N, C-alpha and C. Protein backbone atom coordinates (compact mmCIF):
# COMPACT_ATOMS: atom_id res chain seq x y z
N LYS A 1 0.85 -0.99 -0.04
CA LYS A 1 -0.29 -0.08 -0.01
C LYS A 1 0.58 1.58 -0.26
N ALA A 2 1.86 1.52 0.78
CA ALA A 2 3.18 2.68 0.58
C ALA A 2 3.09 2.75 -0.73
N THR A 3 3.24 1.59 -1.66
CA THR A 3 3.87 1.70 -3.21
C THR A 3 3.00 2.52 -3.69
N VAL A 4 1.62 2.20 -3.60
CA VAL A 4 0.78 2.78 -4.02
C VAL A 4 0.56 3.93 -4.26
N SER A 5 0.59 4.75 -2.49
CA SER A 5 0.53 5.79 -2.29
C SER A 5 1.80 7.21 -3.43
N VAL A 6 2.87 6.15 -3.04
CA VAL A 6 3.97 7.13 -3.76
C VAL A 6 3.95 7.30 -5.20
N LEU A 7 3.16 6.48 -6.16
CA LEU A 7 3.26 6.52 -7.13
C LEU A 7 1.55 7.73 -7.81
N TYR A 8 1.26 7.04 -6.35
CA TYR A 8 -0.36 8.71 -6.91
C TYR A 8 0.28 10.13 -6.79
N CYS A 9 1.09 9.74 -5.43
CA CYS A 9 1.48 11.07 -5.18
C CYS A 9 2.59 11.87 -6.47
N LYS A 10 3.26 10.48 -7.08
CA LYS A 10 4.72 11.39 -8.18
C LYS A 10 3.36 11.39 -9.39
N GLN A 11 2.65 10.93 -9.75
CA GLN A 11 1.90 10.59 -10.98
C GLN A 11 0.67 12.25 -11.37
N GLY A 12 0.24 12.34 -9.46
CA GLY A 12 -0.60 13.56 -9.43
C GLY A 12 -1.72 13.09 -10.04
N MET A 13 -2.85 11.59 -9.87
CA MET A 13 -3.37 10.55 -10.22
C MET A 13 -4.79 11.62 -9.95
N GLU A 14 -6.18 11.55 -10.49
CA GLU A 14 -7.23 12.21 -10.34
C GLU A 14 -7.75 11.32 -8.76
N LEU A 15 -8.28 12.59 -7.95
CA LEU A 15 -8.87 11.82 -6.65
C LEU A 15 -9.59 10.75 -6.86
N LYS A 16 -10.41 10.93 -7.43
CA LYS A 16 -11.23 9.41 -7.54
C LYS A 16 -10.71 7.97 -8.13
N LEU A 17 -8.84 8.43 -8.14
CA LEU A 17 -8.70 7.32 -8.31
C LEU A 17 -7.34 6.94 -7.17
N LEU A 18 -7.72 7.68 -6.16
CA LEU A 18 -6.95 7.06 -5.28
C LEU A 18 -7.85 6.23 -4.39
N PRO A 19 -6.96 5.40 -3.36
CA PRO A 19 -7.03 4.34 -2.78
C PRO A 19 -8.40 4.24 -1.66
N PRO A 20 -9.13 3.39 -1.77
CA PRO A 20 -10.58 3.89 -1.22
C PRO A 20 -10.20 3.74 -0.07
N LEU A 21 -11.63 4.76 1.50
CA LEU A 21 -11.38 5.10 2.03
C LEU A 21 -11.54 3.99 2.35
N GLY A 22 -11.22 3.81 3.79
CA GLY A 22 -11.01 2.61 5.36
C GLY A 22 -12.14 2.56 5.72
N GLU A 23 -12.41 2.29 6.65
CA GLU A 23 -13.77 2.22 7.59
C GLU A 23 -13.50 2.87 8.82
N ALA A 24 -14.30 3.53 8.67
CA ALA A 24 -14.18 4.59 10.38
C ALA A 24 -13.00 5.58 10.19
N THR A 25 -13.05 5.78 9.19
CA THR A 25 -11.13 6.67 8.72
C THR A 25 -12.37 8.21 8.25
N CYS A 26 -11.04 9.06 8.56
CA CYS A 26 -11.84 10.15 7.83
C CYS A 26 -10.20 10.88 6.84
N ARG A 27 -11.18 11.05 5.09
CA ARG A 27 -9.86 11.17 4.27
C ARG A 27 -9.73 12.87 4.96
N VAL A 28 -8.78 13.70 4.93
CA VAL A 28 -8.59 14.96 4.58
C VAL A 28 -7.79 15.58 3.51
N TYR A 29 -7.78 16.45 2.88
CA TYR A 29 -7.62 17.18 1.74
C TYR A 29 -6.79 18.58 2.00
N PHE A 30 -5.77 18.67 2.24
CA PHE A 30 -5.43 19.70 2.28
C PHE A 30 -4.77 20.06 1.01
N CYS A 31 -5.30 21.33 0.52
CA CYS A 31 -5.32 22.04 -0.59
C CYS A 31 -5.03 23.83 -0.01
N ARG A 32 -4.23 24.05 -0.68
CA ARG A 32 -3.31 25.48 -0.72
C ARG A 32 -4.69 26.73 -1.35
N HIS A 33 -4.29 27.68 -1.31
CA HIS A 33 -4.93 29.04 -2.06
C HIS A 33 -4.76 29.28 -2.98
N GLY A 34 -5.46 29.82 -4.15
CA GLY A 34 -4.95 30.06 -5.34
C GLY A 34 -4.25 31.15 -4.83
N ARG A 35 -3.43 31.53 -6.40
CA ARG A 35 -2.14 32.55 -6.06
C ARG A 35 -3.45 33.82 -6.07
N THR A 36 -2.65 34.22 -5.16
CA THR A 36 -3.02 36.45 -4.94
C THR A 36 -2.19 37.23 -5.43
N THR A 37 -2.13 38.57 -5.26
CA THR A 37 -1.81 39.98 -5.90
C THR A 37 -0.26 39.86 -5.29
N MET A 38 -0.24 39.49 -3.49
CA MET A 38 1.33 39.29 -3.58
C MET A 38 1.95 37.68 -3.59
N ASN A 39 1.18 36.90 -4.29
CA ASN A 39 2.54 36.02 -4.66
C ASN A 39 2.94 36.38 -6.28
N ALA A 40 2.18 36.83 -6.86
CA ALA A 40 2.30 37.35 -7.83
C ALA A 40 3.62 38.68 -7.99
N LYS A 41 3.76 39.52 -6.79
CA LYS A 41 4.53 40.46 -6.49
C LYS A 41 6.10 39.64 -5.66
N ASN A 42 5.69 38.54 -5.53
CA ASN A 42 7.07 38.18 -4.98
C ASN A 42 7.46 38.54 -3.35
N LEU A 43 5.94 39.39 -2.94
CA LEU A 43 6.24 39.82 -1.08
C LEU A 43 5.70 38.58 -0.44
N VAL A 44 6.43 38.86 0.54
CA VAL A 44 5.96 38.19 1.85
C VAL A 44 5.10 38.59 2.42
N GLN A 45 3.84 36.89 2.40
CA GLN A 45 2.48 36.98 2.73
C GLN A 45 2.02 36.05 3.88
N GLY A 46 2.42 36.59 4.76
CA GLY A 46 2.23 35.30 6.36
C GLY A 46 0.97 35.82 6.61
N GLY A 47 0.07 34.98 8.14
CA GLY A 47 -0.66 35.73 8.29
C GLY A 47 -1.32 37.23 8.25
N GLY A 48 -0.70 37.44 8.55
CA GLY A 48 -0.35 38.94 8.78
C GLY A 48 -0.92 39.73 7.33
N MET A 49 -1.39 39.25 6.37
CA MET A 49 -1.87 39.52 5.45
C MET A 49 -2.82 39.10 3.93
N ASP A 50 -3.76 39.63 3.56
CA ASP A 50 -4.91 39.66 3.63
C ASP A 50 -5.30 39.80 2.60
N ALA A 51 -4.42 39.18 1.14
CA ALA A 51 -4.13 38.97 -0.29
C ALA A 51 -5.27 39.06 -0.48
N PRO A 52 -6.12 39.37 -1.76
CA PRO A 52 -7.11 38.63 -2.48
C PRO A 52 -6.52 37.88 -3.27
N LEU A 53 -7.12 36.81 -4.24
CA LEU A 53 -7.08 36.26 -5.24
C LEU A 53 -6.86 37.24 -6.95
N ASP A 54 -5.40 36.90 -7.15
CA ASP A 54 -5.46 37.56 -8.23
C ASP A 54 -6.40 36.45 -9.81
N ALA A 55 -6.11 37.13 -10.63
CA ALA A 55 -7.17 36.52 -11.92
C ALA A 55 -6.69 35.01 -11.67
N LEU A 56 -5.83 35.02 -12.24
CA LEU A 56 -5.19 33.40 -11.78
C LEU A 56 -4.87 32.13 -10.88
N GLY A 57 -4.97 33.03 -10.03
CA GLY A 57 -5.82 32.28 -8.82
C GLY A 57 -7.12 32.20 -8.50
N ILE A 58 -7.90 32.99 -9.34
CA ILE A 58 -9.19 32.46 -9.04
C ILE A 58 -9.85 31.36 -10.40
N ARG A 59 -9.12 31.45 -11.65
CA ARG A 59 -8.88 29.72 -12.16
C ARG A 59 -8.53 28.85 -11.86
N GLN A 60 -7.64 28.88 -10.39
CA GLN A 60 -7.18 27.80 -9.79
C GLN A 60 -8.22 27.52 -8.97
N ALA A 61 -8.72 28.36 -8.93
CA ALA A 61 -10.08 27.72 -7.56
C ALA A 61 -10.75 27.32 -8.09
N GLU A 62 -11.16 27.37 -9.29
CA GLU A 62 -12.30 27.06 -9.84
C GLU A 62 -11.96 25.54 -10.18
N LEU A 63 -10.55 25.17 -11.16
CA LEU A 63 -10.32 23.98 -10.96
C LEU A 63 -9.78 23.22 -10.20
N LEU A 64 -9.82 23.82 -9.21
CA LEU A 64 -9.50 22.80 -7.76
C LEU A 64 -11.33 22.51 -7.64
N GLY A 65 -11.63 22.99 -7.43
CA GLY A 65 -13.51 22.63 -7.15
C GLY A 65 -13.76 21.61 -7.91
N LYS A 66 -13.58 21.53 -9.52
CA LYS A 66 -13.50 20.63 -10.20
C LYS A 66 -13.12 19.43 -9.91
N ALA A 67 -12.33 19.58 -9.68
CA ALA A 67 -11.66 18.38 -8.95
C ALA A 67 -12.08 17.93 -7.68
N PHE A 68 -13.20 18.35 -7.36
CA PHE A 68 -13.47 17.67 -5.94
C PHE A 68 -14.98 17.12 -6.44
N ASP A 69 -15.21 17.35 -7.46
CA ASP A 69 -16.98 17.24 -7.85
C ASP A 69 -17.13 15.59 -8.02
N PRO A 70 -16.51 14.31 -7.96
CA PRO A 70 -15.96 13.13 -7.62
C PRO A 70 -16.50 12.81 -6.33
N ILE A 71 -15.96 13.59 -5.62
CA ILE A 71 -16.27 12.86 -4.24
C ILE A 71 -17.06 13.84 -3.46
N ASP A 72 -17.87 13.25 -2.61
CA ASP A 72 -18.89 13.61 -1.86
C ASP A 72 -18.13 14.35 -0.44
N VAL A 73 -17.81 15.42 -0.29
CA VAL A 73 -17.14 16.59 0.67
C VAL A 73 -17.78 16.61 1.67
N ASP A 74 -17.50 15.75 2.82
CA ASP A 74 -19.04 16.50 3.56
C ASP A 74 -18.76 17.72 4.74
N VAL A 75 -17.23 18.16 5.05
CA VAL A 75 -17.02 19.85 5.21
C VAL A 75 -16.15 20.48 4.67
N VAL A 76 -16.54 22.01 4.20
CA VAL A 76 -15.13 22.38 3.90
C VAL A 76 -15.07 22.77 5.05
N LEU A 77 -13.45 23.45 5.26
CA LEU A 77 -12.92 24.02 6.14
C LEU A 77 -11.68 24.72 5.85
N SER A 78 -12.03 26.20 6.01
CA SER A 78 -11.04 27.32 5.58
C SER A 78 -10.24 27.78 6.60
N SER A 79 -9.40 28.63 6.30
CA SER A 79 -8.82 29.36 7.41
C SER A 79 -9.50 30.96 7.10
N THR A 80 -9.38 31.59 7.67
CA THR A 80 -9.96 33.00 7.83
C THR A 80 -10.10 33.88 6.84
N MET A 81 -8.45 33.34 6.51
CA MET A 81 -8.40 34.75 5.17
C MET A 81 -8.95 34.75 4.23
N GLN A 82 -9.25 35.84 3.38
CA GLN A 82 -9.60 35.67 2.27
C GLN A 82 -9.42 35.13 1.19
N ARG A 83 -8.20 34.69 0.87
CA ARG A 83 -7.61 33.98 0.12
C ARG A 83 -7.79 32.64 -0.40
N ALA A 84 -8.45 31.71 1.31
CA ALA A 84 -8.60 30.43 1.62
C ALA A 84 -9.76 30.11 1.78
N VAL A 85 -10.34 31.50 2.18
CA VAL A 85 -12.37 31.30 1.57
C VAL A 85 -12.68 31.41 0.46
N ASN A 86 -12.07 31.95 -0.31
CA ASN A 86 -12.68 32.23 -1.76
C ASN A 86 -12.53 31.21 -2.47
N THR A 87 -11.13 30.87 -2.00
CA THR A 87 -10.78 29.36 -2.55
C THR A 87 -11.86 28.09 -2.31
N GLY A 88 -12.18 28.45 -1.05
CA GLY A 88 -12.77 26.71 -0.69
C GLY A 88 -13.84 27.10 -1.07
N LEU A 89 -14.96 28.27 -1.28
CA LEU A 89 -16.21 28.57 -2.02
C LEU A 89 -16.15 27.66 -3.36
N GLU A 90 -15.29 27.37 -3.82
CA GLU A 90 -15.76 26.86 -5.08
C GLU A 90 -15.28 24.77 -4.81
N ILE A 91 -15.39 24.80 -3.73
CA ILE A 91 -15.75 23.10 -3.57
C ILE A 91 -17.33 23.34 -2.69
N LYS A 92 -18.05 22.46 -3.10
CA LYS A 92 -18.92 21.66 -2.77
C LYS A 92 -19.18 20.78 -1.89
N SER A 93 -20.07 21.84 -0.46
CA SER A 93 -20.38 20.74 0.44
C SER A 93 -21.71 20.19 1.00
N LYS A 94 -21.57 18.86 0.81
CA LYS A 94 -22.63 18.50 1.69
C LYS A 94 -23.44 19.03 2.72
N ARG A 95 -22.27 19.11 4.12
CA ARG A 95 -23.15 19.37 5.06
C ARG A 95 -22.43 21.16 5.91
N ASN A 96 -21.42 21.21 5.77
CA ASN A 96 -20.94 22.22 6.83
C ASN A 96 -19.67 23.07 5.65
N ARG A 97 -19.94 24.31 6.01
CA ARG A 97 -18.68 25.35 5.36
C ARG A 97 -18.09 26.04 6.14
N LEU A 98 -16.75 25.62 7.00
CA LEU A 98 -16.65 26.16 8.21
C LEU A 98 -15.42 27.53 8.39
N MET A 99 -15.24 28.36 8.99
CA MET A 99 -13.76 28.62 9.19
C MET A 99 -13.26 28.59 10.04
N ASP A 100 -11.64 28.67 10.26
CA ASP A 100 -11.08 28.19 12.03
C ASP A 100 -9.51 29.42 11.73
N ALA A 101 -9.60 30.53 12.81
CA ALA A 101 -8.35 30.66 12.13
C ALA A 101 -7.31 30.40 13.13
N ARG A 102 -7.47 29.07 13.69
CA ARG A 102 -5.96 28.50 13.02
C ARG A 102 -5.42 27.68 12.05
N LEU A 103 -5.92 28.30 11.09
CA LEU A 103 -5.76 27.76 9.79
C LEU A 103 -5.27 28.25 9.23
N ASN A 104 -5.27 29.30 9.97
CA ASN A 104 -4.62 31.00 9.14
C ASN A 104 -3.02 30.72 9.09
N GLU A 105 -2.31 31.28 7.82
CA GLU A 105 -0.50 30.81 7.32
C GLU A 105 -0.16 31.66 8.50
N MET A 106 1.07 31.09 9.58
CA MET A 106 2.02 31.07 9.69
C MET A 106 2.35 32.57 9.69
N HIS A 107 2.57 33.53 10.81
CA HIS A 107 2.82 34.87 10.64
C HIS A 107 4.59 35.02 10.97
N TYR A 108 4.37 35.99 9.88
CA TYR A 108 5.61 36.37 9.46
C TYR A 108 6.47 37.12 10.32
N GLY A 109 5.91 38.14 11.06
CA GLY A 109 6.13 39.23 12.30
C GLY A 109 6.63 40.31 10.79
N ASP A 110 7.56 40.92 11.42
CA ASP A 110 8.31 42.11 10.78
C ASP A 110 8.59 42.00 9.43
N LEU A 111 8.30 40.99 8.88
CA LEU A 111 8.31 40.41 7.54
C LEU A 111 7.82 40.58 6.67
N GLU A 112 6.30 40.94 7.18
CA GLU A 112 4.81 41.01 6.71
C GLU A 112 4.69 42.14 5.42
N GLY A 113 4.56 41.31 4.14
CA GLY A 113 4.33 42.72 2.71
C GLY A 113 5.77 43.19 2.12
N LEU A 114 6.52 42.20 3.12
CA LEU A 114 8.10 43.02 1.84
C LEU A 114 8.39 41.85 1.36
N PRO A 115 9.80 42.38 0.42
CA PRO A 115 9.54 41.92 -0.32
C PRO A 115 10.65 40.60 -0.11
N ILE A 116 10.56 39.44 -0.80
CA ILE A 116 10.93 37.99 -0.78
C ILE A 116 12.67 37.99 -0.69
N PHE A 117 12.98 38.63 -1.86
CA PHE A 117 14.47 38.26 -2.32
C PHE A 117 14.97 39.76 -2.49
N GLU A 118 14.44 40.51 -1.77
CA GLU A 118 15.58 41.62 -1.41
C GLU A 118 16.16 42.20 0.28
N GLY A 119 16.75 43.07 0.64
CA GLY A 119 17.50 43.62 1.80
C GLY A 119 16.66 42.63 2.32
N GLU A 120 16.14 44.11 3.34
CA GLU A 120 15.88 42.97 5.46
C GLU A 120 15.46 41.62 5.04
N SER A 121 14.32 41.73 4.42
CA SER A 121 13.32 40.43 4.18
C SER A 121 14.19 39.44 3.94
N LYS A 122 15.43 39.34 2.95
CA LYS A 122 15.75 38.46 1.95
C LYS A 122 16.66 37.45 3.20
N GLU A 123 17.94 38.89 3.64
CA GLU A 123 18.59 39.05 5.02
C GLU A 123 17.93 37.69 6.64
N ALA A 124 16.45 38.30 6.66
CA ALA A 124 15.95 37.21 7.71
C ALA A 124 15.74 36.01 7.58
N ILE A 125 15.00 36.40 5.82
CA ILE A 125 14.17 34.72 5.62
C ILE A 125 16.18 33.59 5.42
N VAL A 126 16.79 34.08 5.28
CA VAL A 126 17.82 32.94 5.26
C VAL A 126 18.15 32.47 7.24
N VAL A 127 18.07 33.67 8.03
CA VAL A 127 18.40 33.53 8.97
C VAL A 127 17.36 32.39 9.21
N ALA A 128 16.00 32.76 9.30
CA ALA A 128 15.13 31.64 9.59
C ALA A 128 15.16 30.30 9.09
N TYR A 129 15.64 30.10 7.80
CA TYR A 129 16.25 28.85 7.42
C TYR A 129 17.04 27.79 7.98
N THR A 130 17.69 28.76 8.12
CA THR A 130 19.11 28.33 9.10
C THR A 130 17.97 27.40 10.56
N HIS A 131 17.71 28.28 10.97
CA HIS A 131 17.65 27.44 12.26
C HIS A 131 16.89 26.58 12.33
N TRP A 132 15.50 26.94 11.02
CA TRP A 132 14.77 26.02 10.76
C TRP A 132 15.82 23.81 10.17
N GLN A 133 16.60 24.22 9.17
CA GLN A 133 17.24 23.43 9.13
C GLN A 133 18.09 22.69 9.82
N ASN A 134 18.00 23.56 11.46
CA ASN A 134 19.07 22.94 12.40
C ASN A 134 17.58 22.07 13.32
N ASP A 135 16.81 22.24 12.96
CA ASP A 135 15.23 21.62 13.35
C ASP A 135 15.12 22.32 14.78
N GLU A 136 15.27 23.70 15.13
CA GLU A 136 14.73 24.43 16.03
C GLU A 136 13.31 24.79 15.65
N LYS A 137 12.24 24.22 16.29
CA LYS A 137 10.82 23.98 16.28
C LYS A 137 10.55 25.56 17.30
N ASP A 138 10.57 25.89 18.04
CA ASP A 138 10.55 27.04 18.48
C ASP A 138 11.55 28.62 18.14
N TYR A 139 11.94 28.41 17.14
CA TYR A 139 12.34 29.65 16.80
C TYR A 139 11.40 30.31 16.19
N ARG A 140 11.30 31.87 16.40
CA ARG A 140 10.75 32.52 15.93
C ARG A 140 11.02 33.22 15.12
N LEU A 141 9.85 33.85 14.21
CA LEU A 141 10.74 35.11 13.31
C LEU A 141 10.79 36.37 13.82
N PRO A 142 11.01 37.13 12.92
CA PRO A 142 11.29 38.44 14.21
C PRO A 142 9.97 39.36 14.21
N GLY A 143 10.10 39.57 15.65
CA GLY A 143 9.02 40.87 15.35
C GLY A 143 8.09 40.38 16.60
N LYS A 144 6.87 41.14 17.02
CA LYS A 144 6.45 40.33 18.25
C LYS A 144 4.86 39.94 17.92
N LEU A 145 4.88 39.64 16.83
CA LEU A 145 3.99 38.51 16.14
C LEU A 145 4.73 37.47 15.70
N GLY A 146 6.06 37.70 15.19
CA GLY A 146 6.12 36.11 14.58
C GLY A 146 6.20 34.68 14.74
N GLU A 147 6.02 33.96 14.23
CA GLU A 147 5.44 31.94 15.31
C GLU A 147 6.34 32.09 14.93
N SER A 148 6.83 30.60 15.62
CA SER A 148 7.31 29.43 15.59
C SER A 148 6.81 28.07 14.75
N PHE A 149 7.66 27.56 14.80
CA PHE A 149 6.80 25.68 13.72
C PHE A 149 6.59 25.59 14.73
N SER A 150 6.44 25.37 16.07
CA SER A 150 6.05 24.58 17.14
C SER A 150 4.46 25.06 17.12
N MET A 151 4.60 26.94 17.72
CA MET A 151 3.13 27.45 17.52
C MET A 151 2.04 27.35 16.68
N VAL A 152 2.82 27.05 14.91
CA VAL A 152 1.30 26.74 14.05
C VAL A 152 1.26 25.22 13.76
N ALA A 153 2.53 24.25 13.87
CA ALA A 153 1.78 23.08 14.29
C ALA A 153 0.75 22.75 15.39
N GLU A 154 1.20 23.22 16.67
CA GLU A 154 0.09 22.56 17.25
C GLU A 154 -1.41 23.36 17.63
N ARG A 155 -1.59 24.44 17.09
CA ARG A 155 -3.06 24.71 16.76
C ARG A 155 -3.00 24.62 15.22
N SER A 156 -3.07 24.45 14.65
CA SER A 156 -3.51 23.60 13.34
C SER A 156 -4.17 22.24 13.00
N LYS A 157 -2.97 21.64 14.16
CA LYS A 157 -3.22 19.83 14.54
C LYS A 157 -4.54 19.93 15.42
N ALA A 158 -4.57 21.12 15.90
CA ALA A 158 -5.81 20.97 17.11
C ALA A 158 -7.16 21.37 16.37
N ALA A 159 -6.95 22.21 15.90
CA ALA A 159 -8.44 22.47 14.66
C ALA A 159 -8.63 21.42 13.67
N ILE A 160 -7.52 20.34 13.23
CA ILE A 160 -7.89 19.72 12.34
C ILE A 160 -8.84 18.67 13.24
N HIS A 161 -8.42 18.21 14.33
CA HIS A 161 -8.63 17.13 15.21
C HIS A 161 -10.04 17.17 15.60
N GLU A 162 -9.84 18.93 16.69
CA GLU A 162 -11.41 19.20 16.43
C GLU A 162 -12.44 18.84 15.30
N CYS A 163 -12.46 19.45 14.33
CA CYS A 163 -13.14 19.00 13.63
C CYS A 163 -13.81 17.54 12.82
N ILE A 164 -12.68 16.68 12.94
CA ILE A 164 -12.83 15.14 12.80
C ILE A 164 -13.32 14.38 13.75
N THR A 165 -13.12 15.48 14.91
CA THR A 165 -14.19 14.58 16.32
C THR A 165 -15.47 15.55 16.26
N LYS A 166 -15.93 16.82 15.89
CA LYS A 166 -17.24 16.61 16.20
C LYS A 166 -18.07 16.71 15.17
N PHE A 167 -17.22 16.46 14.12
CA PHE A 167 -18.41 16.99 12.84
C PHE A 167 -17.86 15.30 11.95
N ASP A 168 -17.54 14.30 12.14
CA ASP A 168 -17.07 12.94 12.03
C ASP A 168 -17.55 12.96 10.36
N PRO A 169 -16.74 13.69 9.99
CA PRO A 169 -17.22 13.43 8.41
C PRO A 169 -15.78 12.34 7.57
N ASN A 170 -16.54 11.86 6.41
CA ASN A 170 -15.50 11.14 5.72
C ASN A 170 -14.82 11.89 4.74
N HIS A 171 -15.21 12.67 4.45
CA HIS A 171 -14.36 13.32 3.90
C HIS A 171 -14.31 15.14 3.74
N LEU A 172 -12.75 15.60 4.88
CA LEU A 172 -12.60 16.64 4.96
C LEU A 172 -11.62 17.56 4.48
N VAL A 173 -12.22 18.52 3.11
CA VAL A 173 -10.86 19.66 2.65
C VAL A 173 -11.37 20.64 3.76
N VAL A 174 -9.39 21.19 4.01
CA VAL A 174 -8.99 22.23 4.07
C VAL A 174 -8.50 23.27 3.32
N VAL A 175 -8.71 23.87 3.49
CA VAL A 175 -8.17 24.96 2.72
C VAL A 175 -7.69 25.96 3.04
N CYS A 176 -5.93 25.55 3.27
CA CYS A 176 -5.36 27.02 4.32
C CYS A 176 -3.97 26.92 3.12
N HIS A 177 -2.74 27.01 3.93
CA HIS A 177 -1.55 28.14 2.97
C HIS A 177 -0.63 26.67 2.59
N SER A 178 0.85 27.98 2.50
CA SER A 178 1.66 26.92 2.03
C SER A 178 2.47 26.88 3.49
N ARG A 179 3.02 27.41 3.63
CA ARG A 179 3.91 27.04 5.01
C ARG A 179 3.49 26.65 5.84
N LEU A 180 1.87 26.78 6.38
CA LEU A 180 1.41 26.29 7.01
C LEU A 180 1.01 24.51 6.92
N ILE A 181 0.95 24.07 5.94
CA ILE A 181 0.79 23.00 5.31
C ILE A 181 2.39 22.02 5.56
N ARG A 182 3.12 23.15 5.29
CA ARG A 182 4.64 22.29 5.22
C ARG A 182 4.77 21.76 6.38
N VAL A 183 4.72 22.92 7.38
CA VAL A 183 4.84 22.52 9.18
C VAL A 183 3.61 21.33 9.54
N LEU A 184 2.20 21.76 8.86
CA LEU A 184 1.86 20.80 9.71
C LEU A 184 2.20 19.10 9.00
N LEU A 185 2.47 18.63 7.72
CA LEU A 185 2.71 17.92 7.52
C LEU A 185 4.40 16.79 7.92
N ALA A 186 5.18 18.16 8.27
CA ALA A 186 6.17 17.46 9.04
C ALA A 186 5.91 16.92 10.04
N HIS A 187 5.04 17.71 10.84
CA HIS A 187 4.70 17.60 12.29
C HIS A 187 3.81 15.96 12.65
N LEU A 188 3.10 15.56 11.20
CA LEU A 188 2.53 14.97 10.78
C LEU A 188 3.38 13.38 10.99
N ASN A 189 4.06 13.85 10.45
CA ASN A 189 4.94 12.77 10.25
C ASN A 189 6.16 12.39 11.30
N ASN A 190 6.34 12.98 12.17
CA ASN A 190 7.04 12.79 13.60
C ASN A 190 8.20 14.16 12.98
N ASP A 191 8.28 14.23 11.98
CA ASP A 191 9.68 15.54 11.84
C ASP A 191 9.49 16.59 12.16
N GLY A 192 11.06 17.25 12.10
CA GLY A 192 10.87 18.55 12.74
C GLY A 192 11.02 20.23 11.56
N PRO A 193 10.96 21.33 12.01
CA PRO A 193 11.23 22.28 10.74
C PRO A 193 12.18 21.92 9.01
N ALA A 194 13.47 20.85 9.96
CA ALA A 194 13.87 20.83 8.66
C ALA A 194 13.58 20.20 7.28
N ALA A 195 12.19 19.22 8.25
CA ALA A 195 12.14 18.87 6.79
C ALA A 195 10.88 19.33 6.11
N MET A 196 10.31 19.86 6.26
CA MET A 196 10.02 21.46 5.16
C MET A 196 10.31 22.04 3.99
N ASP A 197 11.98 21.31 3.75
CA ASP A 197 11.89 21.42 2.46
C ASP A 197 11.80 20.93 1.67
N ASN A 198 11.73 19.10 2.36
CA ASN A 198 11.37 18.52 1.42
C ASN A 198 9.92 18.10 0.61
N ILE A 199 9.11 19.88 1.57
CA ILE A 199 6.93 19.08 1.05
C ILE A 199 6.98 20.71 0.33
N LYS A 200 6.39 19.75 -1.12
CA LYS A 200 6.06 21.36 -2.10
C LYS A 200 4.25 21.40 -1.65
N SER A 201 3.87 22.13 -1.99
CA SER A 201 2.57 23.12 -1.95
C SER A 201 2.53 23.51 -2.89
N ASP A 202 2.56 23.50 -3.90
CA ASP A 202 2.02 24.97 -5.34
C ASP A 202 0.12 25.04 -4.83
N ASN A 203 -0.12 26.61 -6.16
CA ASN A 203 -0.52 26.90 -5.43
C ASN A 203 -2.71 25.97 -6.00
N CYS A 204 -3.72 26.25 -5.11
CA CYS A 204 -4.41 24.50 -5.07
C CYS A 204 -3.30 23.31 -5.85
N SER A 205 -2.81 23.13 -4.99
CA SER A 205 -2.69 21.46 -5.17
C SER A 205 -3.10 21.01 -4.02
N ILE A 206 -2.85 19.87 -4.16
CA ILE A 206 -3.77 19.16 -2.87
C ILE A 206 -3.45 18.16 -2.62
N THR A 207 -3.21 17.84 -0.94
CA THR A 207 -2.45 16.86 -0.66
C THR A 207 -3.40 15.96 0.39
N VAL A 208 -2.94 14.91 0.27
CA VAL A 208 -4.34 13.80 1.53
C VAL A 208 -3.47 12.67 2.25
N PHE A 209 -4.76 13.24 3.36
CA PHE A 209 -3.71 11.88 4.76
C PHE A 209 -5.63 11.55 5.06
N ASP A 210 -4.54 10.53 5.25
CA ASP A 210 -6.29 9.17 6.42
C ASP A 210 -6.00 9.01 7.64
N PHE A 211 -7.03 10.20 8.34
CA PHE A 211 -7.00 10.00 9.71
C PHE A 211 -8.59 8.83 10.06
N SER A 212 -7.69 8.31 11.39
CA SER A 212 -8.36 7.14 11.75
C SER A 212 -9.30 8.38 12.94
N LYS A 213 -10.84 7.89 13.05
CA LYS A 213 -11.60 8.68 13.40
C LYS A 213 -11.62 8.58 15.22
N SER A 214 -10.95 7.24 15.23
CA SER A 214 -10.63 6.36 16.28
C SER A 214 -9.27 7.31 17.25
N THR A 215 -8.53 7.22 17.00
CA THR A 215 -7.32 7.40 17.72
C THR A 215 -6.54 8.90 16.95
N LEU A 216 -7.06 9.11 15.95
CA LEU A 216 -6.82 10.45 15.06
C LEU A 216 -4.87 10.26 14.35
N HIS A 217 -5.22 9.16 14.32
CA HIS A 217 -3.38 8.92 13.75
C HIS A 217 -3.50 9.07 12.44
N PRO A 218 -2.59 9.72 11.83
CA PRO A 218 -2.61 9.89 10.48
C PRO A 218 -1.59 8.87 9.46
N LYS A 219 -2.26 8.98 8.34
CA LYS A 219 -1.76 8.31 6.91
C LYS A 219 -1.11 9.44 5.81
N LYS A 220 -0.55 9.39 5.64
CA LYS A 220 -0.09 10.41 4.28
C LYS A 220 -0.70 8.98 3.19
N VAL A 221 -1.45 9.89 1.92
CA VAL A 221 -1.81 8.76 1.27
C VAL A 221 -1.24 9.37 0.20
N ALA A 222 -0.78 10.76 -0.51
CA ALA A 222 -0.30 11.40 -1.55
C ALA A 222 -0.62 12.70 -1.46
N THR A 223 0.14 13.43 -2.46
CA THR A 223 1.12 14.66 -2.21
C THR A 223 1.24 15.72 -2.71
N ASN A 224 0.54 17.24 -2.60
CA ASN A 224 1.25 18.22 -4.19
C ASN A 224 0.45 17.53 -4.86
N LEU A 225 -0.29 16.83 -5.49
CA LEU A 225 -1.34 16.50 -6.54
C LEU A 225 -1.83 17.83 -7.39
N VAL A 226 -1.56 18.10 -8.76
CA VAL A 226 -1.81 19.10 -9.43
C VAL A 226 -2.34 18.74 -10.51
N SER A 227 -2.85 18.24 -10.82
CA SER A 227 -3.09 17.34 -12.44
C SER A 227 -4.07 17.84 -12.46
N HIS A 228 -4.92 18.65 -11.81
CA HIS A 228 -6.29 18.99 -12.32
C HIS A 228 -6.34 20.34 -12.63
N LEU A 229 -4.69 20.87 -12.64
CA LEU A 229 -4.57 22.76 -12.52
C LEU A 229 -4.45 22.67 -14.11
């Protein structure tokens, strides 16, 4: 089964071709939002920036929604940020459409809104990556509101667990953010920040995990599916 999961991951198979859902299991689809105006300008866009989708991002969200047409989605859960909310609105849900601020993007503190590849922010990002590559889970990004790997991992995992326990979905779509997805996936795999470098999360990609409804134990099914785009 592990070999099959890797195959699906590499080939970007359609959702309807994924392995069947097991008994007493919730399949969680982690989706990154569509491209935003700040993504297009290569600006730091964390939890402190609520930029809208651009024209390409709107089209990506529409295609993401169509990818879920064969799936009986019970719950669509998004962060409270408009880029995630508006992406999630393209996905049909049978029962609930929810928002949770615990799924908002990692806050980059003083780096919010600055150019990614220039000046102060570029230097600070290099420093952050050095700490992460050393698996420093509690390193916080600069500024009063800057967050750490541990902070984002714990809040996002709690949001997922609470939704599964409270609403008992078979198919749960979580629409959130690139860095948060990388943090959460590394955490679910019992890895530290260094593992984030090996995790891709393209705009409107889909990463799939199966969670036991009784133990909430996660199992990876597929990562960064983009064949629908």
